[in-house]
N, C-alpha and C. Protein backbone atom coordinates (compact mmCIF):
# COMPACT_ATOMS: atom_id res chain seq x y z
N UNK A 1 0.96 -14.65 -31.46
CA UNK A 1 1.69 -15.36 -30.42
C UNK A 1 1.05 -15.04 -29.07
N UNK A 2 0.84 -16.06 -28.28
CA UNK A 2 0.27 -15.90 -26.96
C UNK A 2 1.30 -16.23 -25.90
N UNK A 3 1.15 -15.61 -24.74
CA UNK A 3 2.04 -15.91 -23.64
C UNK A 3 1.36 -15.66 -22.32
N UNK A 4 2.00 -16.14 -21.26
CA UNK A 4 1.45 -15.97 -19.91
C UNK A 4 2.60 -15.95 -18.91
N UNK A 5 2.46 -15.11 -17.89
CA UNK A 5 3.37 -15.10 -16.75
C UNK A 5 2.52 -15.05 -15.50
N UNK A 6 2.98 -15.72 -14.45
CA UNK A 6 2.23 -15.76 -13.21
C UNK A 6 3.20 -15.73 -12.04
N UNK A 7 2.75 -15.13 -10.94
CA UNK A 7 3.54 -15.11 -9.71
C UNK A 7 2.58 -15.26 -8.54
N UNK A 8 3.03 -16.01 -7.51
CA UNK A 8 2.24 -16.17 -6.30
C UNK A 8 2.97 -15.50 -5.15
N UNK A 9 2.25 -14.62 -4.45
CA UNK A 9 2.82 -13.85 -3.36
C UNK A 9 2.07 -14.16 -2.07
N UNK A 10 2.74 -14.82 -1.10
CA UNK A 10 2.07 -15.09 0.18
C UNK A 10 1.94 -13.81 1.00
N UNK A 11 0.79 -13.65 1.66
CA UNK A 11 0.60 -12.51 2.56
C UNK A 11 0.01 -13.01 3.87
N UNK A 12 0.21 -12.25 4.92
CA UNK A 12 -0.17 -12.66 6.26
C UNK A 12 -1.52 -12.17 6.73
N UNK A 13 -2.50 -12.17 5.85
CA UNK A 13 -3.88 -11.87 6.25
C UNK A 13 -4.81 -12.88 5.58
N UNK A 14 -6.00 -12.99 6.12
CA UNK A 14 -6.96 -13.94 5.57
C UNK A 14 -7.36 -13.55 4.15
N UNK A 15 -7.87 -14.52 3.41
CA UNK A 15 -8.32 -14.27 2.04
C UNK A 15 -9.46 -13.25 2.01
N UNK A 16 -10.32 -13.26 3.00
CA UNK A 16 -11.44 -12.30 2.99
C UNK A 16 -10.95 -10.87 3.18
N UNK A 17 -9.95 -10.66 4.02
CA UNK A 17 -9.38 -9.31 4.20
C UNK A 17 -8.67 -8.89 2.91
N UNK A 18 -7.89 -9.78 2.32
CA UNK A 18 -7.20 -9.46 1.07
C UNK A 18 -8.19 -9.15 -0.05
N UNK A 19 -9.25 -9.94 -0.15
CA UNK A 19 -10.24 -9.72 -1.21
C UNK A 19 -10.93 -8.37 -1.04
N UNK A 20 -11.23 -7.98 0.20
CA UNK A 20 -11.83 -6.67 0.44
C UNK A 20 -10.97 -5.55 -0.14
N UNK A 21 -9.65 -5.71 -0.04
CA UNK A 21 -8.74 -4.69 -0.57
C UNK A 21 -8.60 -4.77 -2.09
N UNK A 22 -8.63 -5.97 -2.64
CA UNK A 22 -8.40 -6.17 -4.07
C UNK A 22 -9.65 -6.01 -4.92
N UNK A 23 -10.82 -6.26 -4.35
CA UNK A 23 -12.05 -6.43 -5.11
C UNK A 23 -12.43 -5.26 -6.01
N UNK A 24 -12.65 -4.12 -5.46
CA UNK A 24 -13.22 -3.01 -6.23
C UNK A 24 -12.28 -1.83 -6.35
N UNK A 25 -12.77 -0.67 -5.93
CA UNK A 25 -12.02 0.57 -6.08
C UNK A 25 -10.93 0.75 -5.03
N UNK A 26 -11.02 0.02 -3.93
CA UNK A 26 -10.05 0.15 -2.86
C UNK A 26 -8.62 -0.12 -3.34
N UNK A 27 -8.45 -1.06 -4.24
CA UNK A 27 -7.11 -1.40 -4.74
C UNK A 27 -6.45 -0.18 -5.38
N UNK A 28 -7.18 0.53 -6.22
CA UNK A 28 -6.63 1.72 -6.87
C UNK A 28 -6.24 2.79 -5.86
N UNK A 29 -7.07 3.00 -4.86
CA UNK A 29 -6.76 3.99 -3.82
C UNK A 29 -5.49 3.60 -3.07
N UNK A 30 -5.39 2.32 -2.71
CA UNK A 30 -4.21 1.85 -1.97
C UNK A 30 -2.94 1.93 -2.82
N UNK A 31 -3.04 1.58 -4.10
CA UNK A 31 -1.87 1.66 -4.97
C UNK A 31 -1.40 3.11 -5.07
N UNK A 32 -2.32 4.04 -5.28
CA UNK A 32 -1.95 5.47 -5.36
C UNK A 32 -1.31 5.93 -4.05
N UNK A 33 -1.88 5.52 -2.93
CA UNK A 33 -1.40 5.95 -1.62
C UNK A 33 -0.05 5.33 -1.26
N UNK A 34 0.08 4.01 -1.46
CA UNK A 34 1.26 3.29 -1.00
C UNK A 34 2.38 3.18 -2.04
N UNK A 35 2.02 3.23 -3.32
CA UNK A 35 3.00 2.98 -4.38
C UNK A 35 2.98 4.04 -5.48
N UNK A 36 2.42 5.20 -5.18
CA UNK A 36 2.31 6.24 -6.19
C UNK A 36 3.63 6.64 -6.82
N UNK A 37 4.70 6.68 -6.02
CA UNK A 37 6.01 7.07 -6.55
C UNK A 37 6.68 5.97 -7.36
N UNK A 38 6.21 4.72 -7.21
CA UNK A 38 6.82 3.58 -7.90
C UNK A 38 5.94 3.09 -9.06
N UNK A 39 4.67 2.85 -8.77
CA UNK A 39 3.75 2.29 -9.76
C UNK A 39 2.98 3.38 -10.48
N UNK A 40 2.50 4.37 -9.73
CA UNK A 40 1.80 5.48 -10.35
C UNK A 40 0.51 5.83 -9.64
N UNK A 41 -0.23 6.74 -10.27
CA UNK A 41 -1.48 7.25 -9.73
C UNK A 41 -2.65 6.58 -10.44
N UNK A 42 -3.60 6.08 -9.67
CA UNK A 42 -4.76 5.40 -10.23
C UNK A 42 -5.98 6.31 -10.09
N UNK A 43 -6.73 6.44 -11.19
CA UNK A 43 -7.94 7.26 -11.19
C UNK A 43 -9.12 6.45 -11.71
N UNK A 44 -10.27 6.68 -11.13
CA UNK A 44 -11.51 6.09 -11.61
C UNK A 44 -12.03 6.97 -12.74
N UNK A 45 -12.25 6.37 -13.92
CA UNK A 45 -12.81 7.11 -15.05
C UNK A 45 -14.30 6.86 -15.20
N UNK A 46 -14.72 5.62 -14.88
CA UNK A 46 -16.11 5.25 -15.08
C UNK A 46 -16.43 4.01 -14.26
N UNK A 47 -17.61 3.97 -13.66
CA UNK A 47 -18.06 2.77 -12.98
C UNK A 47 -18.04 2.88 -11.47
N UNK A 48 -18.42 1.77 -10.83
CA UNK A 48 -18.55 1.72 -9.37
C UNK A 48 -17.65 0.66 -8.73
N UNK A 49 -16.73 0.10 -9.49
CA UNK A 49 -15.84 -0.94 -8.97
C UNK A 49 -16.22 -2.33 -9.42
N UNK A 50 -17.36 -2.47 -10.10
CA UNK A 50 -17.78 -3.76 -10.61
C UNK A 50 -17.35 -3.93 -12.06
N UNK A 51 -17.85 -4.98 -12.69
CA UNK A 51 -17.55 -5.24 -14.10
C UNK A 51 -17.95 -4.01 -14.92
N UNK A 52 -17.07 -3.63 -15.85
CA UNK A 52 -17.31 -2.45 -16.69
C UNK A 52 -16.62 -1.20 -16.18
N UNK A 53 -16.11 -1.23 -14.95
CA UNK A 53 -15.39 -0.09 -14.39
C UNK A 53 -14.13 0.16 -15.22
N UNK A 54 -13.83 1.43 -15.49
CA UNK A 54 -12.63 1.79 -16.24
C UNK A 54 -11.73 2.63 -15.33
N UNK A 55 -10.48 2.20 -15.22
CA UNK A 55 -9.48 2.88 -14.41
C UNK A 55 -8.33 3.35 -15.30
N UNK A 56 -7.69 4.42 -14.87
CA UNK A 56 -6.50 4.92 -15.58
C UNK A 56 -5.35 4.95 -14.59
N UNK A 57 -4.23 4.36 -15.00
CA UNK A 57 -3.00 4.38 -14.21
C UNK A 57 -2.01 5.26 -14.95
N UNK A 58 -1.58 6.35 -14.30
CA UNK A 58 -0.57 7.23 -14.86
C UNK A 58 0.74 6.92 -14.16
N UNK A 59 1.73 6.49 -14.95
CA UNK A 59 3.00 6.07 -14.39
C UNK A 59 3.82 7.27 -13.92
N UNK A 60 4.72 7.06 -12.94
CA UNK A 60 5.57 8.16 -12.46
C UNK A 60 6.50 8.66 -13.58
N UNK A 61 6.90 9.93 -13.50
CA UNK A 61 7.85 10.46 -14.49
C UNK A 61 9.10 9.59 -14.56
N UNK A 62 9.60 9.38 -15.77
CA UNK A 62 10.81 8.59 -15.97
C UNK A 62 10.54 7.12 -16.21
N UNK A 63 9.29 6.68 -16.09
CA UNK A 63 8.95 5.28 -16.35
C UNK A 63 8.99 5.04 -17.85
N UNK A 64 9.71 4.00 -18.30
CA UNK A 64 9.74 3.72 -19.74
C UNK A 64 8.33 3.36 -20.25
N UNK A 65 8.09 3.68 -21.49
CA UNK A 65 6.80 3.33 -22.09
C UNK A 65 5.97 4.56 -22.41
N UNK A 66 4.68 4.36 -22.52
CA UNK A 66 3.76 5.37 -23.00
C UNK A 66 3.40 6.40 -21.93
N UNK A 67 3.43 6.03 -20.66
CA UNK A 67 3.13 6.97 -19.59
C UNK A 67 1.81 6.72 -18.88
N UNK A 68 0.92 5.97 -19.51
CA UNK A 68 -0.35 5.66 -18.84
C UNK A 68 -0.94 4.40 -19.46
N UNK A 69 -1.96 3.88 -18.77
CA UNK A 69 -2.76 2.79 -19.32
C UNK A 69 -4.17 2.90 -18.78
N UNK A 70 -5.12 2.46 -19.58
CA UNK A 70 -6.50 2.36 -19.13
C UNK A 70 -6.88 0.90 -19.18
N UNK A 71 -7.61 0.48 -18.14
CA UNK A 71 -8.07 -0.91 -18.11
C UNK A 71 -9.53 -0.95 -17.70
N UNK A 72 -10.20 -1.99 -18.14
CA UNK A 72 -11.59 -2.21 -17.79
C UNK A 72 -11.70 -3.50 -16.98
N UNK A 73 -12.53 -3.48 -15.94
CA UNK A 73 -12.77 -4.69 -15.15
C UNK A 73 -13.70 -5.58 -15.98
N UNK A 74 -13.23 -6.77 -16.32
CA UNK A 74 -14.01 -7.65 -17.19
C UNK A 74 -14.68 -8.80 -16.43
N UNK A 75 -14.20 -9.11 -15.22
CA UNK A 75 -14.79 -10.20 -14.45
C UNK A 75 -14.52 -9.97 -12.97
N UNK A 76 -15.53 -10.25 -12.16
CA UNK A 76 -15.41 -10.13 -10.71
C UNK A 76 -16.19 -11.29 -10.10
N UNK A 77 -15.49 -12.18 -9.43
CA UNK A 77 -16.15 -13.35 -8.83
C UNK A 77 -15.89 -13.34 -7.33
N UNK A 78 -16.87 -12.92 -6.56
CA UNK A 78 -16.71 -12.83 -5.11
C UNK A 78 -16.57 -14.20 -4.45
N UNK A 79 -17.20 -15.23 -5.00
CA UNK A 79 -17.10 -16.56 -4.42
C UNK A 79 -15.70 -17.15 -4.59
N UNK A 80 -15.14 -16.98 -5.77
CA UNK A 80 -13.80 -17.52 -6.05
C UNK A 80 -12.69 -16.52 -5.75
N UNK A 81 -13.08 -15.26 -5.45
CA UNK A 81 -12.13 -14.17 -5.18
C UNK A 81 -11.19 -13.96 -6.36
N UNK A 82 -11.79 -13.73 -7.52
CA UNK A 82 -11.03 -13.51 -8.75
C UNK A 82 -11.50 -12.22 -9.41
N UNK A 83 -10.54 -11.43 -9.85
CA UNK A 83 -10.81 -10.17 -10.56
C UNK A 83 -9.97 -10.19 -11.84
N UNK A 84 -10.59 -9.85 -12.96
CA UNK A 84 -9.86 -9.80 -14.23
C UNK A 84 -10.04 -8.44 -14.86
N UNK A 85 -8.96 -7.97 -15.46
CA UNK A 85 -8.98 -6.69 -16.17
C UNK A 85 -8.36 -6.85 -17.55
N UNK A 86 -8.74 -5.96 -18.44
CA UNK A 86 -8.21 -5.96 -19.80
C UNK A 86 -7.73 -4.55 -20.11
N UNK A 87 -6.50 -4.43 -20.60
CA UNK A 87 -6.00 -3.13 -21.00
C UNK A 87 -6.71 -2.70 -22.28
N UNK A 88 -7.21 -1.46 -22.28
CA UNK A 88 -7.94 -0.98 -23.45
C UNK A 88 -7.26 0.19 -24.15
N UNK A 89 -6.27 0.81 -23.49
CA UNK A 89 -5.60 1.96 -24.10
C UNK A 89 -4.28 2.20 -23.39
N UNK A 90 -3.32 2.77 -24.13
CA UNK A 90 -2.05 3.18 -23.54
C UNK A 90 -1.06 2.04 -23.45
N UNK A 91 0.06 2.36 -22.86
CA UNK A 91 1.18 1.46 -22.57
C UNK A 91 1.29 0.26 -23.52
N UNK A 92 1.01 -0.95 -23.05
CA UNK A 92 1.22 -2.15 -23.86
C UNK A 92 0.37 -2.16 -25.14
N UNK A 93 -0.85 -1.65 -25.07
CA UNK A 93 -1.70 -1.59 -26.27
C UNK A 93 -1.04 -0.72 -27.34
N UNK A 94 -0.52 0.42 -26.92
CA UNK A 94 0.11 1.34 -27.87
C UNK A 94 1.45 0.81 -28.38
N UNK A 95 2.07 -0.09 -27.63
CA UNK A 95 3.34 -0.68 -28.06
C UNK A 95 3.14 -1.81 -29.07
N UNK A 96 1.88 -2.29 -29.21
CA UNK A 96 1.63 -3.33 -30.19
C UNK A 96 1.03 -4.62 -29.67
N UNK A 97 0.69 -4.67 -28.39
CA UNK A 97 0.02 -5.86 -27.85
C UNK A 97 -1.42 -5.87 -28.33
N UNK A 98 -1.88 -7.01 -28.81
CA UNK A 98 -3.28 -7.15 -29.20
C UNK A 98 -4.17 -7.33 -27.98
N UNK A 99 -3.69 -8.11 -27.00
CA UNK A 99 -4.42 -8.37 -25.76
C UNK A 99 -3.43 -8.29 -24.60
N UNK A 100 -3.84 -7.64 -23.52
CA UNK A 100 -3.06 -7.61 -22.29
C UNK A 100 -4.07 -7.72 -21.16
N UNK A 101 -4.09 -8.89 -20.53
CA UNK A 101 -5.14 -9.28 -19.59
C UNK A 101 -4.48 -9.60 -18.24
N UNK A 102 -5.04 -9.07 -17.15
CA UNK A 102 -4.52 -9.35 -15.81
C UNK A 102 -5.59 -10.07 -15.00
N UNK A 103 -5.17 -11.14 -14.34
CA UNK A 103 -6.07 -11.91 -13.48
C UNK A 103 -5.46 -11.91 -12.08
N UNK A 104 -6.25 -11.50 -11.10
CA UNK A 104 -5.81 -11.47 -9.71
C UNK A 104 -6.69 -12.43 -8.92
N UNK A 105 -6.06 -13.39 -8.26
CA UNK A 105 -6.79 -14.40 -7.49
C UNK A 105 -6.29 -14.38 -6.04
N UNK A 106 -7.22 -14.41 -5.12
CA UNK A 106 -6.88 -14.51 -3.71
C UNK A 106 -7.17 -15.95 -3.28
N UNK A 107 -6.13 -16.65 -2.85
CA UNK A 107 -6.24 -18.06 -2.49
C UNK A 107 -6.07 -18.19 -0.98
N UNK A 108 -7.06 -18.76 -0.33
CA UNK A 108 -7.02 -18.94 1.12
C UNK A 108 -6.06 -20.06 1.50
N UNK A 109 -5.18 -19.77 2.44
CA UNK A 109 -4.30 -20.79 3.00
C UNK A 109 -4.84 -21.26 4.34
N UNK A 110 -5.08 -20.32 5.24
CA UNK A 110 -5.71 -20.60 6.53
C UNK A 110 -6.34 -19.30 7.02
N UNK A 111 -6.75 -19.26 8.29
CA UNK A 111 -7.45 -18.08 8.81
C UNK A 111 -6.59 -16.82 8.85
N UNK A 112 -5.28 -17.00 8.82
CA UNK A 112 -4.37 -15.87 8.97
C UNK A 112 -3.45 -15.64 7.77
N UNK A 113 -3.66 -16.38 6.68
CA UNK A 113 -2.77 -16.18 5.53
C UNK A 113 -3.46 -16.57 4.23
N UNK A 114 -2.96 -15.98 3.18
CA UNK A 114 -3.47 -16.25 1.84
C UNK A 114 -2.37 -16.00 0.83
N UNK A 115 -2.67 -16.29 -0.41
CA UNK A 115 -1.72 -16.10 -1.50
C UNK A 115 -2.41 -15.27 -2.57
N UNK A 116 -1.69 -14.29 -3.09
CA UNK A 116 -2.18 -13.51 -4.22
C UNK A 116 -1.52 -14.10 -5.47
N UNK A 117 -2.33 -14.67 -6.35
CA UNK A 117 -1.80 -15.17 -7.62
C UNK A 117 -2.11 -14.11 -8.68
N UNK A 118 -1.06 -13.53 -9.24
CA UNK A 118 -1.18 -12.49 -10.27
C UNK A 118 -0.72 -13.08 -11.59
N UNK A 119 -1.61 -13.03 -12.59
CA UNK A 119 -1.31 -13.64 -13.89
C UNK A 119 -1.52 -12.60 -14.99
N UNK A 120 -0.56 -12.55 -15.89
CA UNK A 120 -0.67 -11.71 -17.09
C UNK A 120 -0.77 -12.64 -18.28
N UNK A 121 -1.79 -12.46 -19.08
CA UNK A 121 -1.94 -13.18 -20.35
C UNK A 121 -1.90 -12.14 -21.45
N UNK A 122 -1.18 -12.45 -22.52
CA UNK A 122 -1.05 -11.47 -23.59
C UNK A 122 -1.05 -12.14 -24.95
N UNK A 123 -1.37 -11.34 -25.95
CA UNK A 123 -1.28 -11.77 -27.35
C UNK A 123 -0.59 -10.67 -28.13
N UNK A 124 0.36 -11.08 -28.96
CA UNK A 124 1.08 -10.15 -29.82
C UNK A 124 1.16 -10.74 -31.22
N UNK A 125 1.36 -9.88 -32.18
CA UNK A 125 1.52 -10.31 -33.56
C UNK A 125 2.78 -11.16 -33.66
N UNK A 126 2.71 -12.24 -34.42
CA UNK A 126 3.86 -13.14 -34.58
C UNK A 126 5.09 -12.42 -35.13
N UNK A 127 4.89 -11.30 -35.80
CA UNK A 127 6.02 -10.57 -36.38
C UNK A 127 6.72 -9.68 -35.35
N UNK A 128 6.22 -9.64 -34.10
CA UNK A 128 6.81 -8.79 -33.06
C UNK A 128 7.15 -9.59 -31.80
N UNK A 129 7.89 -10.70 -31.91
CA UNK A 129 8.15 -11.53 -30.73
C UNK A 129 8.94 -10.81 -29.64
N UNK A 130 9.68 -9.77 -30.01
CA UNK A 130 10.48 -9.03 -29.04
C UNK A 130 9.61 -8.36 -27.97
N UNK A 131 8.35 -8.12 -28.27
CA UNK A 131 7.46 -7.48 -27.30
C UNK A 131 7.27 -8.34 -26.05
N UNK A 132 7.37 -9.65 -26.20
CA UNK A 132 7.16 -10.56 -25.06
C UNK A 132 8.14 -10.27 -23.93
N UNK A 133 9.33 -9.78 -24.25
CA UNK A 133 10.33 -9.50 -23.22
C UNK A 133 9.94 -8.31 -22.34
N UNK A 134 8.94 -7.54 -22.75
CA UNK A 134 8.50 -6.39 -21.96
C UNK A 134 7.54 -6.77 -20.84
N UNK A 135 6.98 -7.96 -20.91
CA UNK A 135 5.99 -8.40 -19.92
C UNK A 135 6.71 -8.81 -18.64
N UNK A 136 6.20 -8.30 -17.50
CA UNK A 136 6.79 -8.65 -16.21
C UNK A 136 5.72 -8.62 -15.13
N UNK A 137 5.76 -9.61 -14.26
CA UNK A 137 4.84 -9.65 -13.12
C UNK A 137 5.40 -8.87 -11.93
N UNK A 138 6.60 -8.31 -12.05
CA UNK A 138 7.24 -7.61 -10.92
C UNK A 138 6.34 -6.52 -10.31
N UNK A 139 5.71 -5.65 -11.12
CA UNK A 139 4.84 -4.63 -10.50
C UNK A 139 3.67 -5.24 -9.72
N UNK A 140 3.12 -6.33 -10.21
CA UNK A 140 2.02 -6.99 -9.51
C UNK A 140 2.50 -7.65 -8.22
N UNK A 141 3.70 -8.20 -8.27
CA UNK A 141 4.29 -8.81 -7.08
C UNK A 141 4.58 -7.74 -6.02
N UNK A 142 5.14 -6.61 -6.45
CA UNK A 142 5.41 -5.50 -5.55
C UNK A 142 4.11 -4.99 -4.93
N UNK A 143 3.07 -4.89 -5.74
CA UNK A 143 1.77 -4.45 -5.25
C UNK A 143 1.24 -5.41 -4.19
N UNK A 144 1.32 -6.71 -4.45
CA UNK A 144 0.82 -7.72 -3.50
C UNK A 144 1.62 -7.67 -2.19
N UNK A 145 2.94 -7.57 -2.29
CA UNK A 145 3.78 -7.52 -1.10
C UNK A 145 3.46 -6.28 -0.26
N UNK A 146 3.37 -5.13 -0.92
CA UNK A 146 3.12 -3.86 -0.22
C UNK A 146 1.73 -3.85 0.41
N UNK A 147 0.73 -4.30 -0.33
CA UNK A 147 -0.62 -4.35 0.22
C UNK A 147 -0.70 -5.35 1.37
N UNK A 148 -0.01 -6.47 1.25
CA UNK A 148 0.02 -7.44 2.33
C UNK A 148 0.57 -6.84 3.61
N UNK A 149 1.68 -6.12 3.52
CA UNK A 149 2.28 -5.46 4.69
C UNK A 149 1.32 -4.42 5.27
N UNK A 150 0.69 -3.64 4.38
CA UNK A 150 -0.26 -2.61 4.82
C UNK A 150 -1.44 -3.24 5.55
N UNK A 151 -1.98 -4.33 5.01
CA UNK A 151 -3.13 -4.98 5.62
C UNK A 151 -2.78 -5.61 6.98
N UNK A 152 -1.57 -6.14 7.10
CA UNK A 152 -1.11 -6.69 8.39
C UNK A 152 -1.03 -5.56 9.41
N UNK A 153 -0.43 -4.45 9.00
CA UNK A 153 -0.28 -3.30 9.90
C UNK A 153 -1.66 -2.75 10.31
N UNK A 154 -2.55 -2.65 9.37
CA UNK A 154 -3.90 -2.15 9.63
C UNK A 154 -4.64 -3.08 10.59
N UNK A 155 -4.47 -4.39 10.39
CA UNK A 155 -5.13 -5.39 11.23
C UNK A 155 -4.59 -5.32 12.67
N UNK A 156 -3.30 -5.10 12.82
CA UNK A 156 -2.69 -5.10 14.15
C UNK A 156 -3.01 -3.83 14.95
N UNK A 157 -3.46 -2.77 14.27
CA UNK A 157 -3.80 -1.54 14.98
C UNK A 157 -5.26 -1.48 15.39
N UNK A 158 -6.02 -2.50 15.02
CA UNK A 158 -7.45 -2.53 15.40
C UNK A 158 -7.63 -3.00 16.80
């Protein structure tokens, strides 16, 4: 069984500023700094922020699930401002998901605003349809909102 969820989060910075934050390793640093108590701690395990980079997210104590996840960057398109990752270990993989794929797109609205489109695509065994109810874009939406506020604040202090 396949499924998909998507959310679009408007932010008040240009697509190029948003992409700079989302593109490589900066996103993990910002998530750890700004959302460590909510989303968790992000660590670089391998790579330089390009395709093939492996990151580990350790969830805060008390978070339901396995406690961590590892993901690999599978696609990075600077022209289209798209980054894709695939979960390779932990959390959803250990719960029984065959595929758990995240796509982050930065869509330009104008010189001062953009939209972060966060999409989760997943595959699960047909005998485990209840797993689909565990998928949520809420953490990605929270991440986009928080990073958007941070980038606005950073821009205004320059």
